PDB file of N, CA and C in Angstrom:
ATOM      1  N   MET A   1     141.938  64.885   2.005  1.00  0.00           N
ATOM      2  CA  MET A   1     141.378  63.697   1.372  1.00  0.00           C
ATOM      3  C   MET A   1     139.847  63.732   1.424  1.00  0.00           C
ATOM      4  N   LYS A   2     139.323  64.123   2.604  1.00  0.00           N
ATOM      5  CA  LYS A   2     137.872  64.148   2.763  1.00  0.00           C
ATOM      6  C   LYS A   2     137.231  65.180   1.833  1.00  0.00           C
ATOM      7  N   LYS A   3     137.896  66.332   1.670  1.00  0.00           N
ATOM      8  CA  LYS A   3     137.362  67.371   0.790  1.00  0.00           C
ATOM      9  C   LYS A   3     137.356  66.890  -0.664  1.00  0.00           C
ATOM     10  N   THR A   4     138.382  66.156  -1.070  1.00  0.00           N
ATOM     11  CA  THR A   4     138.450  65.613  -2.429  1.00  0.00           C
ATOM     12  C   THR A   4     137.317  64.628  -2.661  1.00  0.00           C
ATOM     13  N   LYS A   5     137.053  63.784  -1.662  1.00  0.00           N
ATOM     14  CA  LYS A   5     135.949  62.827  -1.767  1.00  0.00           C
ATOM     15  C   LYS A   5     134.617  63.554  -1.884  1.00  0.00           C
ATOM     16  N   SER A   6     134.451  64.601  -1.101  1.00  0.00           N
ATOM     17  CA  SER A   6     133.214  65.378  -1.126  1.00  0.00           C
ATOM     18  C   SER A   6     133.030  66.056  -2.479  1.00  0.00           C
ATOM     19  N   LYS A   7     134.100  66.612  -3.041  1.00  0.00           N
ATOM     20  CA  LYS A   7     134.007  67.272  -4.349  1.00  0.00           C
ATOM     21  C   LYS A   7     133.682  66.249  -5.438  1.00  0.00           C
ATOM     22  N   PHE A   8     134.304  65.065  -5.353  1.00  0.00           N
ATOM     23  CA  PHE A   8     134.017  64.006  -6.309  1.00  0.00           C
ATOM     24  C   PHE A   8     132.545  63.626  -6.248  1.00  0.00           C
ATOM     25  N   LYS A   9     132.018  63.496  -5.039  1.00  0.00           N
ATOM     26  CA  LYS A   9     130.598  63.170  -4.851  1.00  0.00           C
ATOM     27  C   LYS A   9     129.712  64.272  -5.440  1.00  0.00           C
ATOM     28  N   ASP A  10     130.092  65.516  -5.227  1.00  0.00           N
ATOM     29  CA  ASP A  10     129.323  66.639  -5.782  1.00  0.00           C
ATOM     30  C   ASP A  10     129.311  66.603  -7.309  1.00  0.00           C
ATOM     31  N   TYR A  11     130.467  66.323  -7.905  1.00  0.00           N
ATOM     32  CA  TYR A  11     130.537  66.235  -9.361  1.00  0.00           C
ATOM     33  C   TYR A  11     129.720  65.049  -9.883  1.00  0.00           C
ATOM     34  N   MET A  12     129.744  63.951  -9.161  1.00  0.00           N
ATOM     35  CA  MET A  12     128.935  62.789  -9.560  1.00  0.00           C
ATOM     36  C   MET A  12     127.447  63.147  -9.525  1.00  0.00           C
ATOM     37  N   LEU A  13     127.018  63.827  -8.476  1.00  0.00           N
ATOM     38  CA  LEU A  13     125.614  64.249  -8.371  1.00  0.00           C
ATOM     39  C   LEU A  13     125.253  65.215  -9.506  1.00  0.00           C
ATOM     40  N   LEU A  14     126.162  66.125  -9.809  1.00  0.00           N
ATOM     41  CA  LEU A  14     125.929  67.070 -10.912  1.00  0.00           C
ATOM     42  C   LEU A  14     125.733  66.316 -12.225  1.00  0.00           C
ATOM     43  N   HIS A  15     126.588  65.350 -12.489  1.00  0.00           N
ATOM     44  CA  HIS A  15     126.495  64.636 -13.763  1.00  0.00           C
ATOM     45  C   HIS A  15     125.319  63.662 -13.807  1.00  0.00           C
ATOM     46  N   ILE A  16     124.919  63.129 -12.682  1.00  0.00           N
ATOM     47  CA  ILE A  16     123.685  62.321 -12.646  1.00  0.00           C
ATOM     48  C   ILE A  16     122.491  63.214 -12.965  1.00  0.00           C
ATOM     49  N   LEU A  17     122.476  64.412 -12.395  1.00  0.00           N
ATOM     50  CA  LEU A  17     121.399  65.364 -12.692  1.00  0.00           C
ATOM     51  C   LEU A  17     121.384  65.726 -14.174  1.00  0.00           C
ATOM     52  N   LEU A  18     122.550  65.958 -14.749  1.00  0.00           N
ATOM     53  CA  LEU A  18     122.620  66.306 -16.168  1.00  0.00           C
ATOM     54  C   LEU A  18     122.208  65.127 -17.053  1.00  0.00           C
ATOM     55  N   LEU A  19     122.513  63.919 -16.615  1.00  0.00           N
ATOM     56  CA  LEU A  19     122.070  62.728 -17.340  1.00  0.00           C
ATOM     57  C   LEU A  19     120.540  62.646 -17.335  1.00  0.00           C
ATOM     58  N   ILE A  20     119.947  62.884 -16.176  1.00  0.00           N
ATOM     59  CA  ILE A  20     118.480  62.889 -16.073  1.00  0.00           C
ATOM     60  C   ILE A  20     117.901  63.984 -16.966  1.00  0.00           C
ATOM     61  N   PHE A  21     118.490  65.173 -16.912  1.00  0.00           N
ATOM     62  CA  PHE A  21     118.033  66.294 -17.735  1.00  0.00           C
ATOM     63  C   PHE A  21     118.091  65.956 -19.226  1.00  0.00           C
ATOM     64  N   SER A  22     119.110  65.211 -19.632  1.00  0.00           N
ATOM     65  CA  SER A  22     119.275  64.887 -21.054  1.00  0.00           C
ATOM     66  C   SER A  22     118.135  64.019 -21.580  1.00  0.00           C
ATOM     67  N   PHE A  23     117.453  63.305 -20.699  1.00  0.00           N
ATOM     68  CA  PHE A  23     116.318  62.488 -21.138  1.00  0.00           C
ATOM     69  C   PHE A  23     115.107  63.326 -21.527  1.00  0.00           C
ATOM     70  N   CYS A  24     115.099  64.595 -21.148  1.00  0.00           N
ATOM     71  CA  CYS A  24     114.008  65.481 -21.536  1.00  0.00           C
ATOM     72  C   CYS A  24     113.894  65.543 -23.058  1.00  0.00           C
ATOM     73  N   SER A  25     115.027  65.594 -23.743  1.00  0.00           N
ATOM     74  CA  SER A  25     114.999  65.656 -25.202  1.00  0.00           C
ATOM     75  C   SER A  25     114.476  64.356 -25.810  1.00  0.00           C
ATOM     76  N   VAL A  26     114.750  63.231 -25.161  1.00  0.00           N
ATOM     77  CA  VAL A  26     114.241  61.938 -25.649  1.00  0.00           C
ATOM     78  C   VAL A  26     112.717  61.929 -25.591  1.00  0.00           C
ATOM     79  N   PHE A  27     112.171  62.320 -24.447  1.00  0.00           N
ATOM     80  CA  PHE A  27     110.714  62.296 -24.300  1.00  0.00           C
ATOM     81  C   PHE A  27     110.034  63.369 -25.144  1.00  0.00           C
ATOM     82  N   SER A  28     110.713  64.489 -25.346  1.00  0.00           N
ATOM     83  CA  SER A  28     110.165  65.521 -26.236  1.00  0.00           C
ATOM     84  C   SER A  28     110.084  65.004 -27.672  1.00  0.00           C
ATOM     85  N   LYS A  29     111.111  64.302 -28.096  1.00  0.00           N
ATOM     86  CA  LYS A  29     111.110  63.759 -29.458  1.00  0.00           C
ATOM     87  C   LYS A  29     110.065  62.653 -29.591  1.00  0.00           C
ATOM     88  N   LEU A  30     109.900  61.843 -28.553  1.00  0.00           N
ATOM     89  CA  LEU A  30     108.852  60.815 -28.576  1.00  0.00           C
ATOM     90  C   LEU A  30     107.467  61.457 -28.654  1.00  0.00           C
ATOM     91  N   ALA A  31     107.280  62.544 -27.911  1.00  0.00           N
ATOM     92  CA  ALA A  31     105.997  63.245 -27.945  1.00  0.00           C
ATOM     93  C   ALA A  31     105.743  63.796 -29.344  1.00  0.00           C
ATOM     94  N   ALA A  32     106.764  64.363 -29.949  1.00  0.00           N
ATOM     95  CA  ALA A  32     106.620  64.968 -31.277  1.00  0.00           C
ATOM     96  C   ALA A  32     106.309  63.939 -32.359  1.00  0.00           C
ATOM     97  N   SER A  33     106.624  62.676 -32.096  1.00  0.00           N
ATOM     98  CA  SER A  33     106.366  61.642 -33.105  1.00  0.00           C
ATOM     99  C   SER A  33     104.944  61.079 -33.021  1.00  0.00           C
ATOM    100  N   ASN A  34     104.134  61.642 -32.140  1.00  0.00           N
ATOM    101  CA  ASN A  34     102.745  61.202 -31.982  1.00  0.00           C
ATOM    102  C   ASN A  34     101.798  62.345 -32.320  1.00  0.00           C
ATOM    103  N   PRO A  35     100.569  62.010 -32.707  1.00  0.00           N
ATOM    104  CA  PRO A  35      99.595  63.065 -33.019  1.00  0.00           C
ATOM    105  C   PRO A  35      99.366  63.991 -31.820  1.00  0.00           C
ATOM    106  N   PHE A  36      99.218  65.275 -32.125  1.00  0.00           N
ATOM    107  CA  PHE A  36      99.026  66.298 -31.101  1.00  0.00           C
ATOM    108  C   PHE A  36      97.834  65.955 -30.211  1.00  0.00           C
ATOM    109  N   LEU A  37      98.050  66.023 -28.906  1.00  0.00           N
ATOM    110  CA  LEU A  37      97.068  65.757 -27.847  1.00  0.00           C
ATOM    111  C   LEU A  37      96.579  64.304 -27.789  1.00  0.00           C
ATOM    112  N   SER A  38      97.249  63.395 -28.486  1.00  0.00           N
ATOM    113  CA  SER A  38      96.926  61.970 -28.326  1.00  0.00           C
ATOM    114  C   SER A  38      97.429  61.532 -26.949  1.00  0.00           C
ATOM    115  N   PHE A  39      97.026  60.347 -26.508  1.00  0.00           N
ATOM    116  CA  PHE A  39      97.453  59.854 -25.202  1.00  0.00           C
ATOM    117  C   PHE A  39      98.979  59.793 -25.109  1.00  0.00           C
ATOM    118  N   LYS A  40      99.630  59.215 -26.130  1.00  0.00           N
ATOM    119  CA  LYS A  40     101.091  59.090 -26.100  1.00  0.00           C
ATOM    120  C   LYS A  40     101.771  60.457 -26.124  1.00  0.00           C
ATOM    121  N   PHE A  41     101.225  61.387 -26.902  1.00  0.00           N
ATOM    122  CA  PHE A  41     101.783  62.738 -26.934  1.00  0.00           C
ATOM    123  C   PHE A  41     101.749  63.344 -25.530  1.00  0.00           C
ATOM    124  N   CYS A  42     100.585  63.279 -24.905  1.00  0.00           N
ATOM    125  CA  CYS A  42     100.429  63.855 -23.559  1.00  0.00           C
ATOM    126  C   CYS A  42     101.301  63.141 -22.534  1.00  0.00           C
ATOM    127  N   LEU A  43     101.404  61.827 -22.643  1.00  0.00           N
ATOM    128  CA  LEU A  43     102.228  61.044 -21.715  1.00  0.00           C
ATOM    129  C   LEU A  43     103.699  61.453 -21.833  1.00  0.00           C
ATOM    130  N   PHE A  44     104.229  61.423 -23.045  1.00  0.00           N
ATOM    131  CA  PHE A  44     105.643  61.741 -23.231  1.00  0.00           C
ATOM    132  C   PHE A  44     105.943  63.203 -22.919  1.00  0.00           C
ATOM    133  N   TYR A  45     105.041  64.079 -23.301  1.00  0.00           N
ATOM    134  CA  TYR A  45     105.227  65.498 -23.008  1.00  0.00           C
ATOM    135  C   TYR A  45     105.150  65.736 -21.494  1.00  0.00           C
ATOM    136  N   GLY A  46     104.238  65.038 -20.838  1.00  0.00           N
ATOM    137  CA  GLY A  46     104.113  65.141 -19.379  1.00  0.00           C
ATOM    138  C   GLY A  46     105.371  64.657 -18.674  1.00  0.00           C
ATOM    139  N   ILE A  47     105.934  63.542 -19.139  1.00  0.00           N
ATOM    140  CA  ILE A  47     107.178  63.038 -18.549  1.00  0.00           C
ATOM    141  C   ILE A  47     108.295  64.061 -18.742  1.00  0.00           C
ATOM    142  N   SER A  48     108.333  64.670 -19.908  1.00  0.00           N
ATOM    143  CA  SER A  48     109.335  65.696 -20.186  1.00  0.00           C
ATOM    144  C   SER A  48     109.202  66.873 -19.215  1.00  0.00           C
ATOM    145  N   ILE A  49     107.984  67.292 -18.956  1.00  0.00           N
ATOM    146  CA  ILE A  49     107.751  68.402 -18.020  1.00  0.00           C
ATOM    147  C   ILE A  49     108.138  67.998 -16.596  1.00  0.00           C
ATOM    148  N   ILE A  50     107.845  66.770 -16.212  1.00  0.00           N
ATOM    149  CA  ILE A  50     108.230  66.282 -14.883  1.00  0.00           C
ATOM    150  C   ILE A  50     109.755  66.278 -14.744  1.00  0.00           C
ATOM    151  N   ILE A  51     110.449  65.811 -15.776  1.00  0.00           N
ATOM    152  CA  ILE A  51     111.916  65.807 -15.751  1.00  0.00           C
ATOM    153  C   ILE A  51     112.440  67.242 -15.587  1.00  0.00           C
ATOM    154  N   LEU A  52     111.840  68.182 -16.321  1.00  0.00           N
ATOM    155  CA  LEU A  52     112.269  69.578 -16.211  1.00  0.00           C
ATOM    156  C   LEU A  52     112.014  70.139 -14.811  1.00  0.00           C
ATOM    157  N   GLY A  53     110.902  69.741 -14.202  1.00  0.00           N
ATOM    158  CA  GLY A  53     110.604  70.191 -12.842  1.00  0.00           C
ATOM    159  C   GLY A  53     111.612  69.651 -11.835  1.00  0.00           C
ATOM    160  N   ILE A  54     111.909  68.368 -11.941  1.00  0.00           N
ATOM    161  CA  ILE A  54     112.909  67.754 -11.055  1.00  0.00           C
ATOM    162  C   ILE A  54     114.264  68.419 -11.269  1.00  0.00           C
ATOM    163  N   TYR A  55     114.594  68.611 -12.529  1.00  0.00           N
ATOM    164  CA  TYR A  55     115.870  69.249 -12.855  1.00  0.00           C
ATOM    165  C   TYR A  55     115.948  70.658 -12.256  1.00  0.00           C
ATOM    166  N   ALA A  56     114.895  71.436 -12.405  1.00  0.00           N
ATOM    167  CA  ALA A  56     114.901  72.812 -11.897  1.00  0.00           C
ATOM    168  C   ALA A  56     115.129  72.846 -10.388  1.00  0.00           C
ATOM    169  N   LEU A  57     114.467  71.954  -9.682  1.00  0.00           N
ATOM    170  CA  LEU A  57     114.632  71.911  -8.220  1.00  0.00           C
ATOM    171  C   LEU A  57     116.038  71.470  -7.822  1.00  0.00           C
ATOM    172  N   LEU A  58     116.529  70.424  -8.448  1.00  0.00           N
ATOM    173  CA  LEU A  58     117.852  69.912  -8.088  1.00  0.00           C
ATOM    174  C   LEU A  58     118.981  70.820  -8.567  1.00  0.00           C
ATOM    175  N   TRP A  59     118.764  71.522  -9.690  1.00  0.00           N
ATOM    176  CA  TRP A  59     119.766  72.459 -10.204  1.00  0.00           C
ATOM    177  C   TRP A  59     120.048  73.546  -9.157  1.00  0.00           C
ATOM    178  N   GLN A  60     118.989  74.005  -8.490  1.00  0.00           N
ATOM    179  CA  GLN A  60     119.169  75.015  -7.444  1.00  0.00           C
ATOM    180  C   GLN A  60     120.040  74.489  -6.307  1.00  0.00           C
ATOM    181  N   GLN A  61     119.888  73.208  -5.992  1.00  0.00           N
ATOM    182  CA  GLN A  61     120.706  72.604  -4.943  1.00  0.00           C
ATOM    183  C   GLN A  61     122.162  72.458  -5.406  1.00  0.00           C
ATOM    184  N   ILE A  62     122.341  72.108  -6.662  1.00  0.00           N
ATOM    185  CA  ILE A  62     123.693  71.966  -7.215  1.00  0.00           C
ATOM    186  C   ILE A  62     124.430  73.306  -7.177  1.00  0.00           C
ATOM    187  N   LEU A  63     123.704  74.381  -7.444  1.00  0.00           N
ATOM    188  CA  LEU A  63     124.341  75.698  -7.467  1.00  0.00           C
ATOM    189  C   LEU A  63     124.825  76.131  -6.089  1.00  0.00           C
ATOM    190  N   LYS A  64     124.373  75.458  -5.047  1.00  0.00           N
ATOM    191  CA  LYS A  64     124.893  75.728  -3.703  1.00  0.00           C
ATOM    192  C   LYS A  64     126.295  75.148  -3.545  1.00  0.00           C
ATOM    193  N   LYS A  65     126.637  74.167  -4.377  1.00  0.00           N
ATOM    194  CA  LYS A  65     127.922  73.479  -4.253  1.00  0.00           C
ATOM    195  C   LYS A  65     128.951  73.944  -5.284  1.00  0.00           C
ATOM    196  N   PHE A  66     128.483  74.558  -6.374  1.00  0.00           N
ATOM    197  CA  PHE A  66     129.367  74.984  -7.458  1.00  0.00           C
ATOM    198  C   PHE A  66     129.073  76.421  -7.832  1.00  0.00           C
ATOM    199  N   THR A  67     130.058  77.046  -8.448  1.00  0.00           N
ATOM    200  CA  THR A  67     129.791  78.356  -9.033  1.00  0.00           C
ATOM    201  C   THR A  67     128.948  78.136 -10.287  1.00  0.00           C
ATOM    202  N   LEU A  68     128.269  79.160 -10.715  1.00  0.00           N
ATOM    203  CA  LEU A  68     127.431  79.058 -11.908  1.00  0.00           C
ATOM    204  C   LEU A  68     128.270  78.718 -13.135  1.00  0.00           C
ATOM    205  N   THR A  69     129.455  79.286 -13.233  1.00  0.00           N
ATOM    206  CA  THR A  69     130.291  79.012 -14.399  1.00  0.00           C
ATOM    207  C   THR A  69     130.726  77.550 -14.445  1.00  0.00           C
ATOM    208  N   THR A  70     131.067  76.982 -13.306  1.00  0.00           N
ATOM    209  CA  THR A  70     131.460  75.569 -13.265  1.00  0.00           C
ATOM    210  C   THR A  70     130.284  74.673 -13.624  1.00  0.00           C
ATOM    211  N   ALA A  71     129.137  74.956 -13.048  1.00  0.00           N
ATOM    212  CA  ALA A  71     127.946  74.144 -13.337  1.00  0.00           C
ATOM    213  C   ALA A  71     127.558  74.265 -14.809  1.00  0.00           C
ATOM    214  N   PHE A  72     127.622  75.479 -15.333  1.00  0.00           N
ATOM    215  CA  PHE A  72     127.256  75.704 -16.739  1.00  0.00           C
ATOM    216  C   PHE A  72     128.218  74.989 -17.676  1.00  0.00           C
ATOM    217  N   LEU A  73     129.506  75.021 -17.352  1.00  0.00           N
ATOM    218  CA  LEU A  73     130.496  74.326 -18.171  1.00  0.00           C
ATOM    219  C   LEU A  73     130.188  72.832 -18.223  1.00  0.00           C
ATOM    220  N   ASN A  74     129.859  72.244 -17.090  1.00  0.00           N
ATOM    221  CA  ASN A  74     129.541  70.819 -17.050  1.00  0.00           C
ATOM    222  C   ASN A  74     128.233  70.509 -17.764  1.00  0.00           C
ATOM    223  N   LYS A  75     127.317  71.473 -17.798  1.00  0.00           N
ATOM    224  CA  LYS A  75     126.025  71.261 -18.449  1.00  0.00           C
ATOM    225  C   LYS A  75     126.177  71.002 -19.947  1.00  0.00           C
ATOM    226  N   SER A  76     127.262  71.472 -20.522  1.00  0.00           N
ATOM    227  CA  SER A  76     127.456  71.272 -21.957  1.00  0.00           C
ATOM    228  C   SER A  76     127.617  69.794 -22.320  1.00  0.00           C
ATOM    229  N   ILE A  77     127.838  68.927 -21.359  1.00  0.00           N
ATOM    230  CA  ILE A  77     127.947  67.490 -21.626  1.00  0.00           C
ATOM    231  C   ILE A  77     126.629  66.917 -22.151  1.00  0.00           C
ATOM    232  N   THR A  78     125.537  67.616 -21.925  1.00  0.00           N
ATOM    233  CA  THR A  78     124.236  67.121 -22.407  1.00  0.00           C
ATOM    234  C   THR A  78     124.194  67.051 -23.933  1.00  0.00           C
ATOM    235  N   ILE A  79     125.066  67.798 -24.608  1.00  0.00           N
ATOM    236  CA  ILE A  79     125.156  67.699 -26.066  1.00  0.00           C
ATOM    237  C   ILE A  79     125.611  66.296 -26.454  1.00  0.00           C
ATOM    238  N   ILE A  80     126.603  65.805 -25.746  1.00  0.00           N
ATOM    239  CA  ILE A  80     127.101  64.443 -26.009  1.00  0.00           C
ATOM    240  C   ILE A  80     126.012  63.425 -25.711  1.00  0.00           C
ATOM    241  N   TRP A  81     125.324  63.595 -24.588  1.00  0.00           N
ATOM    242  CA  TRP A  81     124.233  62.672 -24.253  1.00  0.00           C
ATOM    243  C   TRP A  81     123.158  62.687 -25.335  1.00  0.00           C
ATOM    244  N   GLY A  82     122.855  63.854 -25.877  1.00  0.00           N
ATOM    245  CA  GLY A  82     121.855  63.949 -26.948  1.00  0.00           C
ATOM    246  C   GLY A  82     122.239  63.126 -28.168  1.00  0.00           C
ATOM    247  N   ILE A  83     123.509  63.167 -28.514  1.00  0.00           N
ATOM    248  CA  ILE A  83     123.985  62.372 -29.650  1.00  0.00           C
ATOM    249  C   ILE A  83     123.873  60.882 -29.339  1.00  0.00           C
ATOM    250  N   VAL A  84     124.262  60.505 -28.129  1.00  0.00           N
ATOM    251  CA  VAL A  84     124.186  59.091 -27.725  1.00  0.00           C
ATOM    252  C   VAL A  84     122.737  58.613 -27.709  1.00  0.00           C
ATOM    253  N   TRP A  85     121.826  59.396 -27.122  1.00  0.00           N
ATOM    254  CA  TRP A  85     120.410  58.994 -27.060  1.00  0.00           C
ATOM    255  C   TRP A  85     119.808  58.904 -28.456  1.00  0.00           C
ATOM    256  N   GLY A  86     120.184  59.809 -29.341  1.00  0.00           N
ATOM    257  CA  GLY A  86     119.690  59.742 -30.717  1.00  0.00           C
ATOM    258  C   GLY A  86     120.071  58.432 -31.389  1.00  0.00           C
ATOM    259  N   ALA A  87     121.306  58.004 -31.168  1.00  0.00           N
ATOM    260  CA  ALA A  87     121.775  56.748 -31.760  1.00  0.00           C
ATOM    261  C   ALA A  87     121.104  55.543 -31.104  1.00  0.00           C
ATOM    262  N   LEU A  88     120.989  55.566 -29.777  1.00  0.00           N
ATOM    263  CA  LEU A  88     120.426  54.411 -29.062  1.00  0.00           C
ATOM    264  C   LEU A  88     118.916  54.253 -29.231  1.00  0.00           C
ATOM    265  N   PHE A  89     118.188  55.365 -29.099  1.00  0.00           N
ATOM    266  CA  PHE A  89     116.728  55.272 -29.072  1.00  0.00           C
ATOM    267  C   PHE A  89     116.059  55.523 -30.423  1.00  0.00           C
ATOM    268  N   PHE A  90     116.736  56.251 -31.300  1.00  0.00           N
ATOM    269  CA  PHE A  90     116.092  56.634 -32.557  1.00  0.00           C
ATOM    270  C   PHE A  90     116.859  56.158 -33.787  1.00  0.00           C
ATOM    271  N   ASN A  91     117.829  55.300 -33.568  1.00  0.00           N
ATOM    272  CA  ASN A  91     118.639  54.728 -34.651  1.00  0.00           C
ATOM    273  C   ASN A  91     119.249  55.797 -35.558  1.00  0.00           C
ATOM    274  N   GLU A  92     119.587  56.928 -34.993  1.00  0.00           N
ATOM    275  CA  GLU A  92     120.230  57.983 -35.762  1.00  0.00           C
ATOM    276  C   GLU A  92     121.704  57.630 -35.954  1.00  0.00           C
ATOM    277  N   THR A  93     122.227  57.992 -37.077  1.00  0.00           N
ATOM    278  CA  THR A  93     123.636  57.738 -37.364  1.00  0.00           C
ATOM    279  C   THR A  93     124.472  58.868 -36.788  1.00  0.00           C
ATOM    280  N   ILE A  94     125.514  58.495 -36.067  1.00  0.00           N
ATOM    281  CA  ILE A  94     126.439  59.502 -35.558  1.00  0.00           C
ATOM    282  C   ILE A  94     127.407  59.841 -36.692  1.00  0.00           C
ATOM    283  N   LYS A  95     127.347  61.098 -37.101  1.00  0.00           N
ATOM    284  CA  LYS A  95     128.176  61.558 -38.215  1.00  0.00           C
ATOM    285  C   LYS A  95     129.337  62.385 -37.683  1.00  0.00           C
ATOM    286  N   ILE A  96     130.380  62.441 -38.464  1.00  0.00           N
ATOM    287  CA  ILE A  96     131.559  63.206 -38.071  1.00  0.00           C
ATOM    288  C   ILE A  96     131.206  64.679 -37.849  1.00  0.00           C
ATOM    289  N   GLN A  97     130.245  65.200 -38.633  1.00  0.00           N
ATOM    290  CA  GLN A  97     129.831  66.601 -38.467  1.00  0.00           C
ATOM    291  C   GLN A  97     129.210  66.821 -37.084  1.00  0.00           C
ATOM    292  N   MET A  98     128.495  65.824 -36.594  1.00  0.00           N
ATOM    293  CA  MET A  98     127.888  65.931 -35.266  1.00  0.00           C
ATOM    294  C   MET A  98     128.969  65.987 -34.188  1.00  0.00           C
ATOM    295  N   ILE A  99     129.973  65.147 -34.331  1.00  0.00           N
ATOM    296  CA  ILE A  99     131.060  65.111 -33.353  1.00  0.00           C
ATOM    297  C   ILE A  99     131.846  66.421 -33.393  1.00  0.00           C
ATOM    298  N   ILE A 100     132.131  66.892 -34.597  1.00  0.00           N
ATOM    299  CA  ILE A 100     132.848  68.166 -34.740  1.00  0.00           C
ATOM    300  C   ILE A 100     132.024  69.307 -34.150  1.00  0.00           C
ATOM    301  N   GLY A 101     130.727  69.322 -34.436  1.00  0.00           N
ATOM    302  CA  GLY A 101     129.845  70.353 -33.892  1.00  0.00           C
ATOM    303  C   GLY A 101     129.805  70.321 -32.372  1.00  0.00           C
ATOM    304  N   ALA A 102     129.709  69.124 -31.802  1.00  0.00           N
ATOM    305  CA  ALA A 102     129.691  68.990 -30.340  1.00  0.00           C
ATOM    306  C   ALA A 102     131.005  69.485 -29.743  1.00  0.00           C
ATOM    307  N   LEU A 103     132.119  69.137 -30.379  1.00  0.00           N
ATOM    308  CA  LEU A 103     133.425  69.599 -29.887  1.00  0.00           C
ATOM    309  C   LEU A 103     133.546  71.119 -29.957  1.00  0.00           C
ATOM    310  N   ILE A 104     133.038  71.701 -31.046  1.00  0.00           N
ATOM    311  CA  ILE A 104     133.075  73.169 -31.177  1.00  0.00           C
ATOM    312  C   ILE A 104     132.275  73.816 -30.051  1.00  0.00           C
ATOM    313  N   VAL A 105     131.103  73.276 -29.761  1.00  0.00           N
ATOM    314  CA  VAL A 105     130.280  73.835 -28.680  1.00  0.00           C
ATOM    315  C   VAL A 105     130.983  73.668 -27.338  1.00  0.00           C
ATOM    316  N   LEU A 106     131.517  72.476 -27.069  1.00  0.00           N
ATOM    317  CA  LEU A 106     132.216  72.236 -25.795  1.00  0.00           C
ATOM    318  C   LEU A 106     133.420  73.167 -25.631  1.00  0.00           C
ATOM    319  N   ILE A 107     134.186  73.326 -26.693  1.00  0.00           N
ATOM    320  CA  ILE A 107     135.350  74.223 -26.634  1.00  0.00           C
ATOM    321  C   ILE A 107     134.886  75.667 -26.461  1.00  0.00           C
ATOM    322  N   GLY A 108     133.843  76.054 -27.195  1.00  0.00           N
ATOM    323  CA  GLY A 108     133.314  77.410 -27.078  1.00  0.00           C
ATOM    324  C   GLY A 108     132.820  77.730 -25.686  1.00  0.00           C
ATOM    325  N   VAL A 109     132.067  76.817 -25.106  1.00  0.00           N
ATOM    326  CA  VAL A 109     131.574  77.036 -23.732  1.00  0.00           C
ATOM    327  C   VAL A 109     132.754  77.112 -22.767  1.00  0.00           C
ATOM    328  N   SER A 110     133.735  76.247 -22.959  1.00  0.00           N
ATOM    329  CA  SER A 110     134.923  76.266 -22.087  1.00  0.00           C
ATOM    330  C   SER A 110     135.642  77.602 -22.178  1.00  0.00           C
ATOM    331  N   LEU A 111     135.793  78.124 -23.389  1.00  0.00           N
ATOM    332  CA  LEU A 111     136.475  79.407 -23.573  1.00  0.00           C
ATOM    333  C   LEU A 111     135.704  80.548 -22.907  1.00  0.00           C
ATOM    334  N   VAL A 112     134.389  80.533 -23.047  1.00  0.00           N
ATOM    335  CA  VAL A 112     133.581  81.590 -22.434  1.00  0.00           C
ATOM    336  C   VAL A 112     133.664  81.517 -20.917  1.00  0.00           C
ATOM    337  N   VAL A 113     133.585  80.316 -20.382  1.00  0.00           N
ATOM    338  CA  VAL A 113     133.644  80.149 -18.922  1.00  0.00           C
ATOM    339  C   VAL A 113     135.024  80.556 -18.395  1.00  0.00           C
ATOM    340  N   MET A 114     136.072  80.145 -19.086  1.00  0.00           N
ATOM    341  CA  MET A 114     137.426  80.508 -18.641  1.00  0.00           C
ATOM    342  C   MET A 114     137.653  82.011 -18.724  1.00  0.00           C
ATOM    343  N   ALA A 115     137.051  82.669 -19.703  1.00  0.00           N
ATOM    344  CA  ALA A 115     137.196  84.120 -19.831  1.00  0.00           C
ATOM    345  C   ALA A 115     136.518  84.842 -18.664  1.00  0.00           C
ATOM    346  N   ASP A 116     135.424  84.251 -18.144  1.00  0.00           N
ATOM    347  CA  ASP A 116     134.717  84.863 -17.016  1.00  0.00           C
ATOM    348  C   ASP A 116     135.458  84.694 -15.693  1.00  0.00           C
ATOM    349  N   GLU A 117     136.289  83.657 -15.637  1.00  0.00           N
ATOM    350  CA  GLU A 117     137.020  83.401 -14.382  1.00  0.00           C
ATOM    351  C   GLU A 117     138.277  84.182 -14.431  1.00  0.00           C
TER     352      GLU A 117
END
C-alpha cells in the first residue's frame, strides 16, 4: 500500500512538472506577440527561460524515480495542455484536426515507448 502511495505521489509530481513546463509555450507565444526586445518581449521571454531552467533541474530529479521511457511517455501530455492553453489564453478554436493530431502523437509515442520496453 505504501509503495502504491509513493508511486502515485511520484506521478503527481511528474505531471505537476509537465504542467509547469507546458506554460513555457504560453509565455513564448506572448513574447512573440510583442515587438522584438521590447519590455514585454523580454519579460515574457525571460519567464519562459526561467520555466525551462526550473524544468531542466526538476526533470533530472524525476528521472531518478522513473525510467526515461516512462517519463518521456508522460511528457506527451504537454500536447494536450498546449491545446487547452491555446483555447483559454489565446481564444483559439479547438478543431477536430487538432484532437486527431494530438491522439496520433500520443498513440505514436506510446507505440515507440512500448517497443523499447
